Amino acid sequence: MESRTEPAEREPDIAVREPDTSARPPLVRELLLVVGLFLVYKFGRQLANGHTGEAFRNAHHVWDAERTLRLPGEGAVQDALLSSDTLVHIANTYYATVHFPATALFLIWLYLRRPRHYVWSRRVLAALTAAALVLHLTFPLAPPRLLEATGLVDTGQVYGPTVYGSTPQTDSMANQFAAMPSLHFGWALMLAVGLIAATSSRWRWLWLLHPLITLLVVVGTANHYWLDAIAVTALLGIAFAVIKLPDPARSLVVRRHAPAPEPAAAGVRR
């Protein structure tokens, strides 16, 4: 009787895609950097307070420019919201509560799962916010809800909730004369673009619903003009042209894990 041991057939390696942690910056440094940028922006906006007359003059110019350009009236969007108390309340809540948490979650997820895209997105957001701050300082602008010529309702004050004081000139918590450009829309658009660029799911294009909803909310609640959204989109386009998008293939590394070989099978020949 002759016995022969035949080697077990080797199974193919299993490819596992994992985040490229080598590109992830130190957490403490990033926290200090993001908080520092946020504080600079908040204090910078406060420097633009007090230019009430100029803000209203600029508001009239923007309103007239929109009519000259034949842009759709903001009132059409607000009329749709005002058709339902529940709808307008949801819009006010979206405006007041989604902006900062959504952006924070976006950056946290990128930091953990797509470090290279996190660095790119943080740089783009910082550049966009810095450019917006310059505009806020040089071009104070009263929002349409404060401009009588628009005939629009301040939905936040009337229906709630609102993040602004009832007297804009003395509002110490927020600069209500910093409508141009709309960072609500700009950050929402960056969130959508960043997630589309960093992921590969066929459903990733649905992230565009966030900036679309945000646009309808900021216009319908009369917090921004159409031109505010157009301006921030142009600034974001410039930031994209200057700050290079990372190669998606480098955001994940492929590690191959070979399964443990099975015990050799013994074959018997007579």
C-alpha atoms as a PDB file:
ATOM      1  CA  MET A   1       0.000   0.000   0.000  1.00  0.00           C
ATOM      2  CA  GLU A   2       1.390   3.359  -1.039  1.00  0.00           C
ATOM      3  CA  SER A   3       0.430   6.565   0.718  1.00  0.00           C
ATOM      4  CA  ARG A   4       0.894  10.078  -0.713  1.00  0.00           C
ATOM      5  CA  THR A   5       0.134  13.406   0.915  1.00  0.00           C
ATOM      6  CA  GLU A   6      -1.279  15.994  -1.516  1.00  0.00           C
ATOM      7  CA  PRO A   7      -0.846  19.686  -0.641  1.00  0.00           C
ATOM      8  CA  ALA A   8      -4.052  21.554   0.056  1.00  0.00           C
ATOM      9  CA  GLU A   9      -5.014  24.075  -2.613  1.00  0.00           C
ATOM     10  CA  ARG A  10      -4.081  27.638  -1.478  1.00  0.00           C
ATOM     11  CA  GLU A  11      -6.971  30.056  -1.325  1.00  0.00           C
ATOM     12  CA  PRO A  12      -6.506  33.558  -2.749  1.00  0.00           C
ATOM     13  CA  ASP A  13      -5.528  36.388  -0.433  1.00  0.00           C
ATOM     14  CA  ILE A  14      -8.339  38.475   1.006  1.00  0.00           C
ATOM     15  CA  ALA A  15      -7.941  42.175   0.214  1.00  0.00           C
ATOM     16  CA  VAL A  16      -8.964  44.500   3.023  1.00  0.00           C
ATOM     17  CA  ARG A  17      -9.219  48.228   2.380  1.00  0.00           C
ATOM     18  CA  GLU A  18      -8.308  50.300   5.428  1.00  0.00           C
ATOM     19  CA  PRO A  19      -7.833  54.043   6.051  1.00  0.00           C
ATOM     20  CA  ASP A  20      -4.356  55.357   5.302  1.00  0.00           C
ATOM     21  CA  THR A  21      -3.565  56.463   8.840  1.00  0.00           C
ATOM     22  CA  SER A  22      -0.136  57.773   7.838  1.00  0.00           C
ATOM     23  CA  ALA A  23      -1.850  60.912   6.507  1.00  0.00           C
ATOM     24  CA  ARG A  24      -3.832  61.567   9.693  1.00  0.00           C
ATOM     25  CA  PRO A  25      -2.548  64.691  11.522  1.00  0.00           C
ATOM     26  CA  PRO A  26      -2.231  64.701  15.336  1.00  0.00           C
ATOM     27  CA  LEU A  27      -5.642  64.979  17.013  1.00  0.00           C
ATOM     28  CA  VAL A  28      -4.762  67.597  19.634  1.00  0.00           C
ATOM     29  CA  ARG A  29      -3.175  69.863  17.019  1.00  0.00           C
ATOM     30  CA  GLU A  30      -6.248  69.576  14.807  1.00  0.00           C
ATOM     31  CA  LEU A  31      -8.619  70.346  17.663  1.00  0.00           C
ATOM     32  CA  LEU A  32      -6.636  73.446  18.602  1.00  0.00           C
ATOM     33  CA  LEU A  33      -6.432  74.519  14.959  1.00  0.00           C
ATOM     34  CA  VAL A  34     -10.154  74.110  14.251  1.00  0.00           C
ATOM     35  CA  VAL A  35     -11.206  75.803  17.493  1.00  0.00           C
ATOM     36  CA  GLY A  36      -8.737  78.623  16.853  1.00  0.00           C
ATOM     37  CA  LEU A  37     -10.031  79.181  13.328  1.00  0.00           C
ATOM     38  CA  PHE A  38     -13.610  79.203  14.604  1.00  0.00           C
ATOM     39  CA  LEU A  39     -12.829  81.786  17.300  1.00  0.00           C
ATOM     40  CA  VAL A  40     -10.986  84.018  14.821  1.00  0.00           C
ATOM     41  CA  TYR A  41     -13.988  83.858  12.516  1.00  0.00           C
ATOM     42  CA  LYS A  42     -16.492  84.639  15.291  1.00  0.00           C
ATOM     43  CA  PHE A  43     -14.472  87.584  16.592  1.00  0.00           C
ATOM     44  CA  GLY A  44     -13.852  88.772  13.062  1.00  0.00           C
ATOM     45  CA  ARG A  45     -17.577  88.844  12.321  1.00  0.00           C
ATOM     46  CA  GLN A  46     -18.120  90.954  15.400  1.00  0.00           C
ATOM     47  CA  LEU A  47     -15.717  93.548  13.993  1.00  0.00           C
ATOM     48  CA  ALA A  48     -18.169  94.076  11.146  1.00  0.00           C
ATOM     49  CA  ASN A  49     -20.958  95.025  13.539  1.00  0.00           C
ATOM     50  CA  GLY A  50     -22.146  98.588  13.708  1.00  0.00           C
ATOM     51  CA  HIS A  51     -22.138  99.390   9.981  1.00  0.00           C
ATOM     52  CA  THR A  52     -25.920  99.581   9.900  1.00  0.00           C
ATOM     53  CA  GLY A  53     -26.319 102.329   7.306  1.00  0.00           C
ATOM     54  CA  GLU A  54     -23.827 100.783   4.923  1.00  0.00           C
ATOM     55  CA  ALA A  55     -25.377  97.332   5.385  1.00  0.00           C
ATOM     56  CA  PHE A  56     -28.811  98.580   4.343  1.00  0.00           C
ATOM     57  CA  ARG A  57     -27.437 100.544   1.392  1.00  0.00           C
ATOM     58  CA  ASN A  58     -25.666  97.430   0.173  1.00  0.00           C
ATOM     59  CA  ALA A  59     -28.867  95.433   0.685  1.00  0.00           C
ATOM     60  CA  HIS A  60     -30.754  97.770  -1.643  1.00  0.00           C
ATOM     61  CA  HIS A  61     -27.972  97.405  -4.230  1.00  0.00           C
ATOM     62  CA  VAL A  62     -28.069  93.590  -4.025  1.00  0.00           C
ATOM     63  CA  TRP A  63     -31.868  93.519  -4.242  1.00  0.00           C
ATOM     64  CA  ASP A  64     -31.844  95.796  -7.290  1.00  0.00           C
ATOM     65  CA  ALA A  65     -29.053  93.753  -8.907  1.00  0.00           C
ATOM     66  CA  GLU A  66     -31.077  90.563  -8.535  1.00  0.00           C
ATOM     67  CA  ARG A  67     -34.055  92.179 -10.225  1.00  0.00           C
ATOM     68  CA  THR A  68     -31.792  93.434 -13.023  1.00  0.00           C
ATOM     69  CA  LEU A  69     -30.373  89.927 -13.472  1.00  0.00           C
ATOM     70  CA  ARG A  70     -33.941  88.565 -13.448  1.00  0.00           C
ATOM     71  CA  LEU A  71     -33.179  86.089 -10.692  1.00  0.00           C
ATOM     72  CA  PRO A  72     -36.244  84.346  -9.252  1.00  0.00           C
ATOM     73  CA  GLY A  73     -37.804  86.174  -6.345  1.00  0.00           C
ATOM     74  CA  GLU A  74     -36.960  84.941  -2.851  1.00  0.00           C
ATOM     75  CA  GLY A  75     -40.624  85.462  -2.034  1.00  0.00           C
ATOM     76  CA  ALA A  76     -41.662  82.449  -4.122  1.00  0.00           C
ATOM     77  CA  VAL A  77     -39.671  80.125  -1.851  1.00  0.00           C
ATOM     78  CA  GLN A  78     -40.948  81.817   1.293  1.00  0.00           C
ATOM     79  CA  ASP A  79     -44.560  81.582   0.130  1.00  0.00           C
ATOM     80  CA  ALA A  80     -44.132  77.822  -0.155  1.00  0.00           C
ATOM     81  CA  LEU A  81     -42.806  77.649   3.409  1.00  0.00           C
ATOM     82  CA  LEU A  82     -45.545  79.882   4.785  1.00  0.00           C
ATOM     83  CA  SER A  83     -48.202  77.567   3.384  1.00  0.00           C
ATOM     84  CA  SER A  84     -47.704  75.440   6.481  1.00  0.00           C
ATOM     85  CA  ASP A  85     -46.768  76.487  10.026  1.00  0.00           C
ATOM     86  CA  THR A  86     -45.112  73.101  10.494  1.00  0.00           C
ATOM     87  CA  LEU A  87     -43.030  73.490   7.340  1.00  0.00           C
ATOM     88  CA  VAL A  88     -41.760  76.941   8.235  1.00  0.00           C
ATOM     89  CA  HIS A  89     -40.949  75.776  11.767  1.00  0.00           C
ATOM     90  CA  ILE A  90     -38.952  72.859  10.339  1.00  0.00           C
ATOM     91  CA  ALA A  91     -37.091  75.259   8.038  1.00  0.00           C
ATOM     92  CA  ASN A  92     -36.220  77.564  10.947  1.00  0.00           C
ATOM     93  CA  THR A  93     -35.055  74.574  13.011  1.00  0.00           C
ATOM     94  CA  TYR A  94     -32.926  73.309  10.118  1.00  0.00           C
ATOM     95  CA  TYR A  95     -31.311  76.734   9.776  1.00  0.00           C
ATOM     96  CA  ALA A  96     -30.625  77.007  13.502  1.00  0.00           C
ATOM     97  CA  THR A  97     -29.422  73.491  14.309  1.00  0.00           C
ATOM     98  CA  VAL A  98     -27.937  71.680  11.288  1.00  0.00           C
ATOM     99  CA  HIS A  99     -25.186  74.057  10.109  1.00  0.00           C
ATOM    100  CA  PHE A 100     -22.444  73.494  12.713  1.00  0.00           C
ATOM    101  CA  PRO A 101     -23.202  69.876  13.808  1.00  0.00           C
ATOM    102  CA  ALA A 102     -23.313  68.603  10.217  1.00  0.00           C
ATOM    103  CA  THR A 103     -19.983  70.246   9.399  1.00  0.00           C
ATOM    104  CA  ALA A 104     -18.403  68.902  12.592  1.00  0.00           C
ATOM    105  CA  LEU A 105     -19.593  65.347  11.907  1.00  0.00           C
ATOM    106  CA  PHE A 106     -18.328  65.642   8.334  1.00  0.00           C
ATOM    107  CA  LEU A 107     -14.833  66.568   9.509  1.00  0.00           C
ATOM    108  CA  ILE A 108     -14.790  63.924  12.253  1.00  0.00           C
ATOM    109  CA  TRP A 109     -15.764  61.159   9.818  1.00  0.00           C
ATOM    110  CA  LEU A 110     -13.136  62.238   7.305  1.00  0.00           C
ATOM    111  CA  TYR A 111     -10.499  62.448  10.033  1.00  0.00           C
ATOM    112  CA  LEU A 112     -11.226  58.866  11.098  1.00  0.00           C
ATOM    113  CA  ARG A 113     -11.939  57.244   7.728  1.00  0.00           C
ATOM    114  CA  ARG A 114     -10.360  59.407   4.996  1.00  0.00           C
ATOM    115  CA  PRO A 115      -7.426  61.332   6.532  1.00  0.00           C
ATOM    116  CA  ARG A 116      -6.122  62.726   3.238  1.00  0.00           C
ATOM    117  CA  HIS A 117      -9.559  64.024   2.309  1.00  0.00           C
ATOM    118  CA  TYR A 118      -9.888  65.452   5.807  1.00  0.00           C
ATOM    119  CA  VAL A 119      -6.766  67.576   5.368  1.00  0.00           C
ATOM    120  CA  TRP A 120      -7.982  68.749   1.957  1.00  0.00           C
ATOM    121  CA  SER A 121     -11.476  69.549   3.227  1.00  0.00           C
ATOM    122  CA  ARG A 122     -10.169  71.391   6.270  1.00  0.00           C
ATOM    123  CA  ARG A 123      -7.937  73.540   4.077  1.00  0.00           C
ATOM    124  CA  VAL A 124     -10.778  74.321   1.670  1.00  0.00           C
ATOM    125  CA  LEU A 125     -13.157  75.206   4.512  1.00  0.00           C
ATOM    126  CA  ALA A 126     -10.530  77.416   6.142  1.00  0.00           C
ATOM    127  CA  ALA A 127      -9.823  79.240   2.865  1.00  0.00           C
ATOM    128  CA  LEU A 128     -13.537  79.656   2.143  1.00  0.00           C
ATOM    129  CA  THR A 129     -14.268  80.975   5.628  1.00  0.00           C
ATOM    130  CA  ALA A 130     -11.323  83.391   5.517  1.00  0.00           C
ATOM    131  CA  ALA A 131     -12.503  84.781   2.170  1.00  0.00           C
ATOM    132  CA  ALA A 132     -16.037  85.106   3.566  1.00  0.00           C
ATOM    133  CA  LEU A 133     -14.715  87.010   6.572  1.00  0.00           C
ATOM    134  CA  VAL A 134     -12.995  89.501   4.274  1.00  0.00           C
ATOM    135  CA  LEU A 135     -16.295  90.075   2.471  1.00  0.00           C
ATOM    136  CA  HIS A 136     -18.164  90.449   5.746  1.00  0.00           C
ATOM    137  CA  LEU A 137     -15.721  93.155   6.809  1.00  0.00           C
ATOM    138  CA  THR A 138     -15.617  95.001   3.502  1.00  0.00           C
ATOM    139  CA  PHE A 139     -19.205  94.512   2.341  1.00  0.00           C
ATOM    140  CA  PRO A 140     -21.622  94.492   5.300  1.00  0.00           C
ATOM    141  CA  LEU A 141     -25.027  93.401   4.094  1.00  0.00           C
ATOM    142  CA  ALA A 142     -28.431  93.340   5.775  1.00  0.00           C
ATOM    143  CA  PRO A 143     -30.341  90.104   5.053  1.00  0.00           C
ATOM    144  CA  PRO A 144     -33.614  90.282   3.112  1.00  0.00           C
ATOM    145  CA  ARG A 145     -35.675  89.702   6.275  1.00  0.00           C
ATOM    146  CA  LEU A 146     -34.502  93.109   7.519  1.00  0.00           C
ATOM    147  CA  LEU A 147     -34.999  94.961   4.239  1.00  0.00           C
ATOM    148  CA  GLU A 148     -38.495  96.417   4.029  1.00  0.00           C
ATOM    149  CA  ALA A 149     -38.388  96.648   0.233  1.00  0.00           C
ATOM    150  CA  THR A 150     -38.370  92.846  -0.087  1.00  0.00           C
ATOM    151  CA  GLY A 151     -41.722  92.394   1.630  1.00  0.00           C
ATOM    152  CA  LEU A 152     -40.383  89.204   3.230  1.00  0.00           C
ATOM    153  CA  VAL A 153     -41.207  87.872   6.693  1.00  0.00           C
ATOM    154  CA  ASP A 154     -38.582  87.269   9.380  1.00  0.00           C
ATOM    155  CA  THR A 155     -39.732  83.690   9.883  1.00  0.00           C
ATOM    156  CA  GLY A 156     -37.390  83.106  12.807  1.00  0.00           C
ATOM    157  CA  GLN A 157     -38.881  85.931  14.852  1.00  0.00           C
ATOM    158  CA  VAL A 158     -42.473  85.216  13.849  1.00  0.00           C
ATOM    159  CA  TYR A 159     -42.582  81.403  13.964  1.00  0.00           C
ATOM    160  CA  GLY A 160     -39.365  80.420  15.765  1.00  0.00           C
ATOM    161  CA  PRO A 161     -36.899  79.164  16.565  1.00  0.00           C
ATOM    162  CA  THR A 162     -34.326  81.833  15.844  1.00  0.00           C
ATOM    163  CA  VAL A 163     -30.623  82.269  16.578  1.00  0.00           C
ATOM    164  CA  TYR A 164     -30.715  86.067  16.277  1.00  0.00           C
ATOM    165  CA  GLY A 165     -31.684  88.854  18.620  1.00  0.00           C
ATOM    166  CA  SER A 166     -34.799  90.881  17.851  1.00  0.00           C
ATOM    167  CA  THR A 167     -32.716  94.080  17.601  1.00  0.00           C
ATOM    168  CA  PRO A 168     -29.975  93.491  15.001  1.00  0.00           C
ATOM    169  CA  GLN A 169     -28.038  96.653  15.813  1.00  0.00           C
ATOM    170  CA  THR A 170     -27.452  95.502  19.407  1.00  0.00           C
ATOM    171  CA  ASP A 171     -27.174  91.753  18.827  1.00  0.00           C
ATOM    172  CA  SER A 172     -23.988  90.786  20.678  1.00  0.00           C
ATOM    173  CA  MET A 173     -24.205  87.067  19.831  1.00  0.00           C
ATOM    174  CA  ALA A 174     -24.150  87.262  16.032  1.00  0.00           C
ATOM    175  CA  ASN A 175     -23.471  89.782  13.318  1.00  0.00           C
ATOM    176  CA  GLN A 176     -26.739  89.989  11.421  1.00  0.00           C
ATOM    177  CA  PHE A 177     -25.184  92.227   8.756  1.00  0.00           C
ATOM    178  CA  ALA A 178     -22.919  89.488   7.355  1.00  0.00           C
ATOM    179  CA  ALA A 179     -25.238  87.968   4.774  1.00  0.00           C
ATOM    180  CA  MET A 180     -22.750  88.008   1.878  1.00  0.00           C
ATOM    181  CA  PRO A 181     -21.634  85.303   1.241  1.00  0.00           C
ATOM    182  CA  SER A 182     -23.799  82.560   2.746  1.00  0.00           C
ATOM    183  CA  LEU A 183     -21.561  80.219   4.700  1.00  0.00           C
ATOM    184  CA  HIS A 184     -24.614  78.135   5.563  1.00  0.00           C
ATOM    185  CA  PHE A 185     -24.821  77.208   1.894  1.00  0.00           C
ATOM    186  CA  GLY A 186     -21.055  77.215   1.299  1.00  0.00           C
ATOM    187  CA  TRP A 187     -20.293  74.763   4.090  1.00  0.00           C
ATOM    188  CA  ALA A 188     -23.226  72.541   3.066  1.00  0.00           C
ATOM    189  CA  LEU A 189     -21.962  72.453  -0.522  1.00  0.00           C
ATOM    190  CA  MET A 190     -18.438  71.630   0.672  1.00  0.00           C
ATOM    191  CA  LEU A 191     -19.825  68.805   2.816  1.00  0.00           C
ATOM    192  CA  ALA A 192     -21.555  67.277  -0.200  1.00  0.00           C
ATOM    193  CA  VAL A 193     -18.569  67.670  -2.518  1.00  0.00           C
ATOM    194  CA  GLY A 194     -16.185  66.334   0.123  1.00  0.00           C
ATOM    195  CA  LEU A 195     -18.236  63.190   0.762  1.00  0.00           C
ATOM    196  CA  ILE A 196     -18.780  62.568  -2.940  1.00  0.00           C
ATOM    197  CA  ALA A 197     -15.025  62.865  -3.526  1.00  0.00           C
ATOM    198  CA  ALA A 198     -14.100  60.659  -0.570  1.00  0.00           C
ATOM    199  CA  THR A 199     -16.550  57.803  -1.132  1.00  0.00           C
ATOM    200  CA  SER A 200     -17.417  55.473  -3.982  1.00  0.00           C
ATOM    201  CA  SER A 201     -20.996  54.405  -3.293  1.00  0.00           C
ATOM    202  CA  ARG A 202     -23.440  54.888  -6.143  1.00  0.00           C
ATOM    203  CA  TRP A 203     -25.702  56.656  -3.609  1.00  0.00           C
ATOM    204  CA  ARG A 204     -23.099  59.289  -2.714  1.00  0.00           C
ATOM    205  CA  TRP A 205     -24.664  61.839  -5.081  1.00  0.00           C
ATOM    206  CA  LEU A 206     -27.614  62.053  -2.709  1.00  0.00           C
ATOM    207  CA  TRP A 207     -25.391  64.199  -0.476  1.00  0.00           C
ATOM    208  CA  LEU A 208     -26.245  67.049  -2.866  1.00  0.00           C
ATOM    209  CA  LEU A 209     -29.668  67.120  -1.223  1.00  0.00           C
ATOM    210  CA  HIS A 210     -28.066  68.762   1.813  1.00  0.00           C
ATOM    211  CA  PRO A 211     -26.895  71.937   0.032  1.00  0.00           C
ATOM    212  CA  LEU A 212     -30.124  71.997  -2.001  1.00  0.00           C
ATOM    213  CA  ILE A 213     -32.273  71.899   1.138  1.00  0.00           C
ATOM    214  CA  THR A 214     -29.967  74.410   2.818  1.00  0.00           C
ATOM    215  CA  LEU A 215     -30.307  76.790  -0.136  1.00  0.00           C
ATOM    216  CA  LEU A 216     -34.104  76.635  -0.031  1.00  0.00           C
ATOM    217  CA  VAL A 217     -34.035  77.116   3.752  1.00  0.00           C
ATOM    218  CA  VAL A 218     -31.708  80.138   3.837  1.00  0.00           C
ATOM    219  CA  VAL A 219     -33.664  81.827   1.037  1.00  0.00           C
ATOM    220  CA  GLY A 220     -37.118  80.844   2.272  1.00  0.00           C
ATOM    221  CA  THR A 221     -36.438  82.066   5.805  1.00  0.00           C
ATOM    222  CA  ALA A 222     -35.203  85.362   4.293  1.00  0.00           C
ATOM    223  CA  ASN A 223     -31.761  85.052   5.861  1.00  0.00           C
ATOM    224  CA  HIS A 224     -29.968  85.236   2.503  1.00  0.00           C
ATOM    225  CA  TYR A 225     -30.326  86.443  -1.063  1.00  0.00           C
ATOM    226  CA  TRP A 226     -29.732  84.239  -4.095  1.00  0.00           C
ATOM    227  CA  LEU A 227     -26.592  86.280  -4.743  1.00  0.00           C
ATOM    228  CA  ASP A 228     -25.221  85.271  -1.339  1.00  0.00           C
ATOM    229  CA  ALA A 229     -25.273  81.639  -2.472  1.00  0.00           C
ATOM    230  CA  ILE A 230     -23.846  82.482  -5.896  1.00  0.00           C
ATOM    231  CA  ALA A 231     -20.984  84.417  -4.287  1.00  0.00           C
ATOM    232  CA  VAL A 232     -20.011  81.603  -1.929  1.00  0.00           C
ATOM    233  CA  THR A 233     -20.182  79.078  -4.773  1.00  0.00           C
ATOM    234  CA  ALA A 234     -17.717  81.201  -6.759  1.00  0.00           C
ATOM    235  CA  LEU A 235     -15.383  81.406  -3.756  1.00  0.00           C
ATOM    236  CA  LEU A 236     -15.585  77.650  -3.274  1.00  0.00           C
ATOM    237  CA  GLY A 237     -14.761  77.115  -6.937  1.00  0.00           C
ATOM    238  CA  ILE A 238     -11.631  79.245  -6.550  1.00  0.00           C
ATOM    239  CA  ALA A 239     -10.626  77.252  -3.460  1.00  0.00           C
ATOM    240  CA  PHE A 240     -11.047  73.991  -5.385  1.00  0.00           C
ATOM    241  CA  ALA A 241      -8.850  75.339  -8.186  1.00  0.00           C
ATOM    242  CA  VAL A 242      -6.074  76.323  -5.775  1.00  0.00           C
ATOM    243  CA  ILE A 243      -6.167  73.470  -3.251  1.00  0.00           C
ATOM    244  CA  LYS A 244      -5.540  70.140  -4.969  1.00  0.00           C
ATOM    245  CA  LEU A 245      -7.889  67.239  -4.344  1.00  0.00           C
ATOM    246  CA  PRO A 246      -6.025  64.167  -3.028  1.00  0.00           C
ATOM    247  CA  ASP A 247      -5.837  61.018  -5.116  1.00  0.00           C
ATOM    248  CA  PRO A 248      -8.754  58.812  -3.939  1.00  0.00           C
ATOM    249  CA  ALA A 249      -6.580  55.712  -4.340  1.00  0.00           C
ATOM    250  CA  ARG A 250      -4.161  57.005  -1.711  1.00  0.00           C
ATOM    251  CA  SER A 251      -6.813  57.590   0.939  1.00  0.00           C
ATOM    252  CA  LEU A 252      -7.175  53.864   1.504  1.00  0.00           C
ATOM    253  CA  VAL A 253      -4.500  51.204   1.640  1.00  0.00           C
ATOM    254  CA  VAL A 254      -5.066  47.614   0.592  1.00  0.00           C
ATOM    255  CA  ARG A 255      -3.783  45.069   3.035  1.00  0.00           C
ATOM    256  CA  ARG A 256      -3.872  41.428   2.008  1.00  0.00           C
ATOM    257  CA  HIS A 257      -4.594  38.897   4.692  1.00  0.00           C
ATOM    258  CA  ALA A 258      -3.978  35.290   3.647  1.00  0.00           C
ATOM    259  CA  PRO A 259      -6.215  32.769   5.436  1.00  0.00           C
ATOM    260  CA  ALA A 260      -4.506  30.144   7.531  1.00  0.00           C
ATOM    261  CA  PRO A 261      -3.746  27.034   5.423  1.00  0.00           C
ATOM    262  CA  GLU A 262      -6.021  24.070   6.017  1.00  0.00           C
ATOM    263  CA  PRO A 263      -4.500  20.771   7.175  1.00  0.00           C
ATOM    264  CA  ALA A 264      -3.115  18.782   4.296  1.00  0.00           C
ATOM    265  CA  ALA A 265      -5.464  16.151   2.965  1.00  0.00           C
ATOM    266  CA  ALA A 266      -4.078  12.655   2.837  1.00  0.00           C
ATOM    267  CA  GLY A 267      -4.757  10.607  -0.278  1.00  0.00           C
ATOM    268  CA  VAL A 268      -4.511   6.766  -0.216  1.00  0.00           C
ATOM    269  CA  ARG A 269      -3.555   4.736  -3.255  1.00  0.00           C
ATOM    270  CA  ARG A 270      -3.728   0.944  -3.292  1.00  0.00           C
END
